[in-house]
Amino acid sequence: MSSHGNIIYRPSLTGQGERVHLSSPDVDLNT
């Protein structure tokens, strides 16, 4: 996609991936 001139973002969601340290039972869809 980048080779075609697009800018790509892959945001990590709270509590997932490299943001796993923020995991909590209080994280919801709105977060």
Full PDB file with SEQRES, HELIX, SHEET, SSBOND, CRYST1, ORIGX, SCALE, CONECT and MASTER records, all heavy atoms in Angstrom:
SEQRES   1 A   31  MET SER SER HIS GLY ASN ILE ILE TYR ARG PRO SER LEU          
SEQRES   2 A   31  THR GLY GLN GLY GLU ARG VAL HIS LEU SER SER PRO ASP          
SEQRES   3 A   31  VAL ASP LEU ASN THR                                          
HELIX    1 AA1 SER A    2  HIS A    4  5                                   3    
HELIX    2 AA2 GLY A   17  LEU A   22  5                                   6    
CRYST1    1.000    1.000    1.000  90.00  90.00  90.00 P 1           1          
ORIGX1      1.000000  0.000000  0.000000        0.00000                         
ORIGX2      0.000000  1.000000  0.000000        0.00000                         
ORIGX3      0.000000  0.000000  1.000000        0.00000                         
SCALE1      1.000000  0.000000  0.000000        0.00000                         
SCALE2      0.000000  1.000000  0.000000        0.00000                         
SCALE3      0.000000  0.000000  1.000000        0.00000                         
ATOM      1  N   MET A   1       0.826  -1.206   0.000  1.00  0.00           N  
ATOM      2  CA  MET A   1       0.000   0.000   0.000  1.00  0.00           C  
ATOM      3  C   MET A   1       0.865   1.264   0.000  1.00  0.00           C  
ATOM      4  O   MET A   1       0.568   2.223  -0.699  1.00  0.00           O  
ATOM      5  CB  MET A   1      -0.929   0.003   1.222  1.00  0.00           C  
ATOM      6  CG  MET A   1      -1.925  -1.139   1.246  1.00  0.00           C  
ATOM      7  SD  MET A   1      -3.118  -1.067  -0.088  1.00  0.00           S  
ATOM      8  CE  MET A   1      -4.033   0.374   0.348  1.00  0.00           C  
ATOM      9  N   SER A   2       1.940   1.258   0.760  1.00  0.00           N  
ATOM     10  CA  SER A   2       2.843   2.417   0.817  1.00  0.00           C  
ATOM     11  C   SER A   2       3.509   2.669  -0.527  1.00  0.00           C  
ATOM     12  O   SER A   2       3.717   3.817  -0.916  1.00  0.00           O  
ATOM     13  CB  SER A   2       3.914   2.204   1.889  1.00  0.00           C  
ATOM     14  OG  SER A   2       3.316   2.136   3.163  1.00  0.00           O  
ATOM     15  N   SER A   3       3.843   1.586  -1.235  1.00  0.00           N  
ATOM     16  CA  SER A   3       4.499   1.746  -2.537  1.00  0.00           C  
ATOM     17  C   SER A   3       3.577   2.423  -3.561  1.00  0.00           C  
ATOM     18  O   SER A   3       4.032   2.910  -4.582  1.00  0.00           O  
ATOM     19  CB  SER A   3       4.984   0.394  -3.068  1.00  0.00           C  
ATOM     20  OG  SER A   3       3.893  -0.399  -3.508  1.00  0.00           O  
ATOM     21  N   HIS A   4       2.284   2.466  -3.263  1.00  0.00           N  
ATOM     22  CA  HIS A   4       1.315   3.133  -4.140  1.00  0.00           C  
ATOM     23  C   HIS A   4       0.954   4.531  -3.625  1.00  0.00           C  
ATOM     24  O   HIS A   4      -0.039   5.119  -4.041  1.00  0.00           O  
ATOM     25  CB  HIS A   4       0.049   2.278  -4.275  1.00  0.00           C  
ATOM     26  CG  HIS A   4       0.231   1.073  -5.135  1.00  0.00           C  
ATOM     27  ND1 HIS A   4       1.108   0.064  -4.827  1.00  0.00           N  
ATOM     28  CD2 HIS A   4      -0.340   0.723  -6.307  1.00  0.00           C  
ATOM     29  CE1 HIS A   4       1.060  -0.859  -5.763  1.00  0.00           C  
ATOM     30  NE2 HIS A   4       0.189  -0.479  -6.678  1.00  0.00           N  
ATOM     31  N   GLY A   5       1.748   5.036  -2.686  1.00  0.00           N  
ATOM     32  CA  GLY A   5       1.562   6.395  -2.203  1.00  0.00           C  
ATOM     33  C   GLY A   5       0.621   6.556  -1.032  1.00  0.00           C  
ATOM     34  O   GLY A   5       0.289   7.667  -0.651  1.00  0.00           O  
ATOM     35  N   ASN A   6       0.182   5.460  -0.441  1.00  0.00           N  
ATOM     36  CA  ASN A   6      -0.719   5.538   0.705  1.00  0.00           C  
ATOM     37  C   ASN A   6       0.065   5.633   2.004  1.00  0.00           C  
ATOM     38  O   ASN A   6       1.151   5.072   2.124  1.00  0.00           O  
ATOM     39  CB  ASN A   6      -1.617   4.295   0.751  1.00  0.00           C  
ATOM     40  CG  ASN A   6      -2.487   4.187  -0.474  1.00  0.00           C  
ATOM     41  OD1 ASN A   6      -3.361   5.003  -0.685  1.00  0.00           O  
ATOM     42  ND2 ASN A   6      -2.236   3.185  -1.293  1.00  0.00           N  
ATOM     43  N   ILE A   7      -0.499   6.317   2.972  1.00  0.00           N  
ATOM     44  CA  ILE A   7       0.080   6.360   4.314  1.00  0.00           C  
ATOM     45  C   ILE A   7      -0.723   5.401   5.175  1.00  0.00           C  
ATOM     46  O   ILE A   7      -1.951   5.500   5.235  1.00  0.00           O  
ATOM     47  CB  ILE A   7       0.038   7.788   4.893  1.00  0.00           C  
ATOM     48  CG1 ILE A   7       0.844   8.729   3.991  1.00  0.00           C  
ATOM     49  CG2 ILE A   7       0.562   7.804   6.315  1.00  0.00           C  
ATOM     50  CD1 ILE A   7       0.687  10.192   4.340  1.00  0.00           C  
ATOM     51  N   ILE A   8      -0.039   4.481   5.824  1.00  0.00           N  
ATOM     52  CA  ILE A   8      -0.688   3.413   6.586  1.00  0.00           C  
ATOM     53  C   ILE A   8      -0.461   3.624   8.082  1.00  0.00           C  
ATOM     54  O   ILE A   8       0.652   3.885   8.516  1.00  0.00           O  
ATOM     55  CB  ILE A   8      -0.104   2.032   6.187  1.00  0.00           C  
ATOM     56  CG1 ILE A   8      -0.082   1.838   4.679  1.00  0.00           C  
ATOM     57  CG2 ILE A   8      -0.842   0.916   6.919  1.00  0.00           C  
ATOM     58  CD1 ILE A   8      -1.426   1.917   4.004  1.00  0.00           C  
ATOM     59  N   TYR A   9      -1.527   3.494   8.846  1.00  0.00           N  
ATOM     60  CA  TYR A   9      -1.453   3.507  10.304  1.00  0.00           C  
ATOM     61  C   TYR A   9      -2.061   2.205  10.794  1.00  0.00           C  
ATOM     62  O   TYR A   9      -3.111   1.787  10.289  1.00  0.00           O  
ATOM     63  CB  TYR A   9      -2.259   4.669  10.892  1.00  0.00           C  
ATOM     64  CG  TYR A   9      -1.725   6.032  10.541  1.00  0.00           C  
ATOM     65  CD1 TYR A   9      -2.153   6.690   9.394  1.00  0.00           C  
ATOM     66  CD2 TYR A   9      -0.809   6.661  11.372  1.00  0.00           C  
ATOM     67  CE1 TYR A   9      -1.667   7.945   9.066  1.00  0.00           C  
ATOM     68  CE2 TYR A   9      -0.323   7.923  11.051  1.00  0.00           C  
ATOM     69  CZ  TYR A   9      -0.758   8.556   9.900  1.00  0.00           C  
ATOM     70  OH  TYR A   9      -0.284   9.805   9.588  1.00  0.00           O  
ATOM     71  N   ARG A  10      -1.419   1.566  11.748  1.00  0.00           N  
ATOM     72  CA  ARG A  10      -1.980   0.370  12.382  1.00  0.00           C  
ATOM     73  C   ARG A  10      -2.033   0.631  13.888  1.00  0.00           C  
ATOM     74  O   ARG A  10      -1.155   0.206  14.624  1.00  0.00           O  
ATOM     75  CB  ARG A  10      -1.118  -0.862  12.090  1.00  0.00           C  
ATOM     76  CG  ARG A  10      -1.277  -1.383  10.689  1.00  0.00           C  
ATOM     77  CD  ARG A  10      -0.609  -2.726  10.501  1.00  0.00           C  
ATOM     78  NE  ARG A  10       0.836  -2.578  10.477  1.00  0.00           N  
ATOM     79  CZ  ARG A  10       1.695  -3.478  10.949  1.00  0.00           C  
ATOM     80  NH1 ARG A  10       1.263  -4.584  11.478  1.00  0.00           N  
ATOM     81  NH2 ARG A  10       2.980  -3.261  10.883  1.00  0.00           N  
ATOM     82  N   PRO A  11      -3.055   1.334  14.337  1.00  0.00           N  
ATOM     83  CA  PRO A  11      -3.108   1.664  15.765  1.00  0.00           C  
ATOM     84  C   PRO A  11      -3.311   0.415  16.614  1.00  0.00           C  
ATOM     85  O   PRO A  11      -4.075  -0.474  16.252  1.00  0.00           O  
ATOM     86  CB  PRO A  11      -4.312   2.599  15.877  1.00  0.00           C  
ATOM     87  CG  PRO A  11      -5.154   2.288  14.685  1.00  0.00           C  
ATOM     88  CD  PRO A  11      -4.215   1.836  13.602  1.00  0.00           C  
ATOM     89  N   SER A  12      -2.600   0.376  17.717  1.00  0.00           N  
ATOM     90  CA  SER A  12      -2.797  -0.711  18.676  1.00  0.00           C  
ATOM     91  C   SER A  12      -3.891  -0.299  19.639  1.00  0.00           C  
ATOM     92  O   SER A  12      -3.971   0.856  20.053  1.00  0.00           O  
ATOM     93  CB  SER A  12      -1.512  -0.992  19.449  1.00  0.00           C  
ATOM     94  OG  SER A  12      -0.555  -1.517  18.576  1.00  0.00           O  
ATOM     95  N   LEU A  13      -4.717  -1.250  19.995  1.00  0.00           N  
ATOM     96  CA  LEU A  13      -5.815  -0.986  20.908  1.00  0.00           C  
ATOM     97  C   LEU A  13      -5.354  -1.182  22.348  1.00  0.00           C  
ATOM     98  O   LEU A  13      -4.528  -2.057  22.631  1.00  0.00           O  
ATOM     99  CB  LEU A  13      -6.985  -1.908  20.575  1.00  0.00           C  
ATOM    100  CG  LEU A  13      -7.492  -1.823  19.135  1.00  0.00           C  
ATOM    101  CD1 LEU A  13      -8.591  -2.851  18.897  1.00  0.00           C  
ATOM    102  CD2 LEU A  13      -7.965  -0.421  18.789  1.00  0.00           C  
ATOM    103  N   THR A  14      -5.897  -0.394  23.241  1.00  0.00           N  
ATOM    104  CA  THR A  14      -5.543  -0.478  24.656  1.00  0.00           C  
ATOM    105  C   THR A  14      -5.696  -1.914  25.161  1.00  0.00           C  
ATOM    106  O   THR A  14      -6.736  -2.546  24.967  1.00  0.00           O  
ATOM    107  CB  THR A  14      -6.435   0.463  25.491  1.00  0.00           C  
ATOM    108  OG1 THR A  14      -6.246   1.796  25.018  1.00  0.00           O  
ATOM    109  CG2 THR A  14      -6.100   0.389  26.970  1.00  0.00           C  
ATOM    110  N   GLY A  15      -4.635  -2.426  25.773  1.00  0.00           N  
ATOM    111  CA  GLY A  15      -4.639  -3.776  26.330  1.00  0.00           C  
ATOM    112  C   GLY A  15      -4.203  -4.848  25.354  1.00  0.00           C  
ATOM    113  O   GLY A  15      -4.102  -6.014  25.717  1.00  0.00           O  
ATOM    114  N   GLN A  16      -3.929  -4.466  24.108  1.00  0.00           N  
ATOM    115  CA  GLN A  16      -3.537  -5.427  23.074  1.00  0.00           C  
ATOM    116  C   GLN A  16      -2.145  -5.069  22.545  1.00  0.00           C  
ATOM    117  O   GLN A  16      -1.695  -3.935  22.666  1.00  0.00           O  
ATOM    118  CB  GLN A  16      -4.544  -5.402  21.921  1.00  0.00           C  
ATOM    119  CG  GLN A  16      -5.971  -5.687  22.337  1.00  0.00           C  
ATOM    120  CD  GLN A  16      -6.152  -7.101  22.834  1.00  0.00           C  
ATOM    121  OE1 GLN A  16      -5.928  -8.053  22.105  1.00  0.00           O  
ATOM    122  NE2 GLN A  16      -6.539  -7.241  24.087  1.00  0.00           N  
ATOM    123  N   GLY A  17      -1.479  -6.043  21.910  1.00  0.00           N  
ATOM    124  CA  GLY A  17      -0.179  -5.792  21.292  1.00  0.00           C  
ATOM    125  C   GLY A  17       0.806  -5.167  22.259  1.00  0.00           C  
ATOM    126  O   GLY A  17       0.905  -5.574  23.416  1.00  0.00           O  
ATOM    127  N   GLU A  18       1.516  -4.157  21.780  1.00  0.00           N  
ATOM    128  CA  GLU A  18       2.518  -3.510  22.633  1.00  0.00           C  
ATOM    129  C   GLU A  18       1.890  -2.680  23.746  1.00  0.00           C  
ATOM    130  O   GLU A  18       2.586  -2.166  24.610  1.00  0.00           O  
ATOM    131  CB  GLU A  18       3.491  -2.658  21.795  1.00  0.00           C  
ATOM    132  CG  GLU A  18       2.936  -1.356  21.290  1.00  0.00           C  
ATOM    133  CD  GLU A  18       2.176  -1.477  19.975  1.00  0.00           C  
ATOM    134  OE1 GLU A  18       1.934  -2.591  19.483  1.00  0.00           O  
ATOM    135  OE2 GLU A  18       1.795  -0.425  19.445  1.00  0.00           O  
ATOM    136  N   ARG A  19       0.554  -2.575  23.757  1.00  0.00           N  
ATOM    137  CA  ARG A  19      -0.143  -1.847  24.818  1.00  0.00           C  
ATOM    138  C   ARG A  19      -0.797  -2.800  25.819  1.00  0.00           C  
ATOM    139  O   ARG A  19      -1.705  -2.438  26.547  1.00  0.00           O  
ATOM    140  CB  ARG A  19      -1.168  -0.901  24.191  1.00  0.00           C  
ATOM    141  CG  ARG A  19      -0.474   0.128  23.271  1.00  0.00           C  
ATOM    142  CD  ARG A  19      -1.408   1.098  22.663  1.00  0.00           C  
ATOM    143  NE  ARG A  19      -1.876   1.999  23.722  1.00  0.00           N  
ATOM    144  CZ  ARG A  19      -2.983   2.709  23.626  1.00  0.00           C  
ATOM    145  NH1 ARG A  19      -3.743   2.645  22.557  1.00  0.00           N  
ATOM    146  NH2 ARG A  19      -3.358   3.501  24.605  1.00  0.00           N  
ATOM    147  N   VAL A  20      -0.303  -4.046  25.853  1.00  0.00           N  
ATOM    148  CA  VAL A  20      -0.853  -5.071  26.738  1.00  0.00           C  
ATOM    149  C   VAL A  20      -0.705  -4.677  28.207  1.00  0.00           C  
ATOM    150  O   VAL A  20      -1.507  -5.070  29.048  1.00  0.00           O  
ATOM    151  CB  VAL A  20      -0.221  -6.459  26.460  1.00  0.00           C  
ATOM    152  CG1 VAL A  20       1.236  -6.506  26.887  1.00  0.00           C  
ATOM    153  CG2 VAL A  20      -1.020  -7.575  27.116  1.00  0.00           C  
ATOM    154  N   HIS A  21       0.290  -3.865  28.509  1.00  0.00           N  
ATOM    155  CA  HIS A  21       0.494  -3.425  29.898  1.00  0.00           C  
ATOM    156  C   HIS A  21      -0.654  -2.553  30.404  1.00  0.00           C  
ATOM    157  O   HIS A  21      -0.794  -2.333  31.598  1.00  0.00           O  
ATOM    158  CB  HIS A  21       1.834  -2.693  30.039  1.00  0.00           C  
ATOM    159  CG  HIS A  21       1.903  -1.417  29.257  1.00  0.00           C  
ATOM    160  ND1 HIS A  21       2.028  -1.381  27.873  1.00  0.00           N  
ATOM    161  CD2 HIS A  21       1.845  -0.126  29.652  1.00  0.00           C  
ATOM    162  CE1 HIS A  21       2.045  -0.140  27.461  1.00  0.00           C  
ATOM    163  NE2 HIS A  21       1.932   0.656  28.521  1.00  0.00           N  
ATOM    164  N   LEU A  22      -1.506  -2.086  29.503  1.00  0.00           N  
ATOM    165  CA  LEU A  22      -2.666  -1.274  29.876  1.00  0.00           C  
ATOM    166  C   LEU A  22      -3.943  -2.109  29.983  1.00  0.00           C  
ATOM    167  O   LEU A  22      -5.031  -1.560  30.135  1.00  0.00           O  
ATOM    168  CB  LEU A  22      -2.865  -0.144  28.852  1.00  0.00           C  
ATOM    169  CG  LEU A  22      -1.698   0.835  28.722  1.00  0.00           C  
ATOM    170  CD1 LEU A  22      -1.932   1.803  27.564  1.00  0.00           C  
ATOM    171  CD2 LEU A  22      -1.472   1.583  30.024  1.00  0.00           C  
ATOM    172  N   SER A  23      -3.793  -3.414  29.888  1.00  0.00           N  
ATOM    173  CA  SER A  23      -4.941  -4.317  29.945  1.00  0.00           C  
ATOM    174  C   SER A  23      -5.649  -4.215  31.291  1.00  0.00           C  
ATOM    175  O   SER A  23      -5.011  -4.120  32.339  1.00  0.00           O  
ATOM    176  CB  SER A  23      -4.471  -5.751  29.710  1.00  0.00           C  
ATOM    177  OG  SER A  23      -5.572  -6.603  29.645  1.00  0.00           O  
ATOM    178  N   SER A  24      -6.976  -4.221  31.223  1.00  0.00           N  
ATOM    179  CA  SER A  24      -7.791  -4.117  32.427  1.00  0.00           C  
ATOM    180  C   SER A  24      -9.193  -4.604  32.095  1.00  0.00           C  
ATOM    181  O   SER A  24      -9.656  -4.434  30.960  1.00  0.00           O  
ATOM    182  CB  SER A  24      -7.843  -2.647  32.865  1.00  0.00           C  
ATOM    183  OG  SER A  24      -8.961  -2.388  33.679  1.00  0.00           O  
ATOM    184  N   PRO A  25      -9.899  -5.165  33.082  1.00  0.00           N  
ATOM    185  CA  PRO A  25     -11.294  -5.535  32.825  1.00  0.00           C  
ATOM    186  C   PRO A  25     -12.181  -4.325  32.535  1.00  0.00           C  
ATOM    187  O   PRO A  25     -13.301  -4.469  32.072  1.00  0.00           O  
ATOM    188  CB  PRO A  25     -11.746  -6.231  34.116  1.00  0.00           C  
ATOM    189  CG  PRO A  25     -10.526  -6.494  34.900  1.00  0.00           C  
ATOM    190  CD  PRO A  25      -9.462  -5.574  34.402  1.00  0.00           C  
ATOM    191  N   ASP A  26     -11.676  -3.104  32.786  1.00  0.00           N  
ATOM    192  CA  ASP A  26     -12.447  -1.889  32.539  1.00  0.00           C  
ATOM    193  C   ASP A  26     -12.351  -1.401  31.095  1.00  0.00           C  
ATOM    194  O   ASP A  26     -13.105  -0.517  30.691  1.00  0.00           O  
ATOM    195  CB  ASP A  26     -11.993  -0.772  33.480  1.00  0.00           C  
ATOM    196  CG  ASP A  26     -12.312  -1.100  34.925  1.00  0.00           C  
ATOM    197  OD1 ASP A  26     -13.352  -1.738  35.182  1.00  0.00           O  
ATOM    198  OD2 ASP A  26     -11.506  -0.731  35.808  1.00  0.00           O  
ATOM    199  N   VAL A  27     -11.429  -1.953  30.316  1.00  0.00           N  
ATOM    200  CA  VAL A  27     -11.311  -1.574  28.906  1.00  0.00           C  
ATOM    201  C   VAL A  27     -12.563  -2.060  28.189  1.00  0.00           C  
ATOM    202  O   VAL A  27     -12.968  -3.212  28.339  1.00  0.00           O  
ATOM    203  CB  VAL A  27     -10.043  -2.182  28.267  1.00  0.00           C  
ATOM    204  CG1 VAL A  27     -10.026  -1.958  26.763  1.00  0.00           C  
ATOM    205  CG2 VAL A  27      -8.785  -1.609  28.920  1.00  0.00           C  
ATOM    206  N   ASP A  28     -13.180  -1.165  27.418  1.00  0.00           N  
ATOM    207  CA  ASP A  28     -14.398  -1.553  26.697  1.00  0.00           C  
ATOM    208  C   ASP A  28     -14.294  -1.137  25.229  1.00  0.00           C  
ATOM    209  O   ASP A  28     -13.265  -0.607  24.795  1.00  0.00           O  
ATOM    210  CB  ASP A  28     -15.645  -0.982  27.369  1.00  0.00           C  
ATOM    211  CG  ASP A  28     -15.665   0.539  27.466  1.00  0.00           C  
ATOM    212  OD1 ASP A  28     -14.892   1.212  26.749  1.00  0.00           O  
ATOM    213  OD2 ASP A  28     -16.473   1.073  28.247  1.00  0.00           O  
ATOM    214  N   LEU A  29     -15.344  -1.403  24.482  1.00  0.00           N  
ATOM    215  CA  LEU A  29     -15.363  -1.061  23.062  1.00  0.00           C  
ATOM    216  C   LEU A  29     -15.142   0.431  22.857  1.00  0.00           C  
ATOM    217  O   LEU A  29     -14.408   0.841  21.944  1.00  0.00           O  
ATOM    218  CB  LEU A  29     -16.691  -1.503  22.433  1.00  0.00           C  
ATOM    219  CG  LEU A  29     -16.932  -1.140  20.980  1.00  0.00           C  
ATOM    220  CD1 LEU A  29     -15.854  -1.725  20.060  1.00  0.00           C  
ATOM    221  CD2 LEU A  29     -18.315  -1.608  20.541  1.00  0.00           C  
ATOM    222  N   ASN A  30     -15.725   1.275  23.696  1.00  0.00           N  
ATOM    223  CA  ASN A  30     -15.529   2.719  23.558  1.00  0.00           C  
ATOM    224  C   ASN A  30     -14.072   3.115  23.728  1.00  0.00           C  
ATOM    225  O   ASN A  30     -13.602   4.053  23.078  1.00  0.00           O  
ATOM    226  CB  ASN A  30     -16.409   3.501  24.538  1.00  0.00           C  
ATOM    227  CG  ASN A  30     -17.832   3.615  24.048  1.00  0.00           C  
ATOM    228  OD1 ASN A  30     -18.094   3.522  22.849  1.00  0.00           O  
ATOM    229  ND2 ASN A  30     -18.751   3.809  24.964  1.00  0.00           N  
ATOM    230  N   THR A  31     -13.342   2.423  24.593  1.00  0.00           N  
ATOM    231  CA  THR A  31     -11.908   2.682  24.760  1.00  0.00           C  
ATOM    232  C   THR A  31     -11.198   2.449  23.431  1.00  0.00           C  
ATOM    233  O   THR A  31     -10.383   3.270  22.995  1.00  0.00           O  
ATOM    234  CB  THR A  31     -11.304   1.754  25.827  1.00  0.00           C  
ATOM    235  OG1 THR A  31     -12.024   1.882  27.054  1.00  0.00           O  
ATOM    236  CG2 THR A  31      -9.826   2.060  26.063  1.00  0.00           C  
TER     237      THR A  31                                                      
MASTER        0    0    0    2    0    0    0    6  236    1    0    3          
END                                                                             
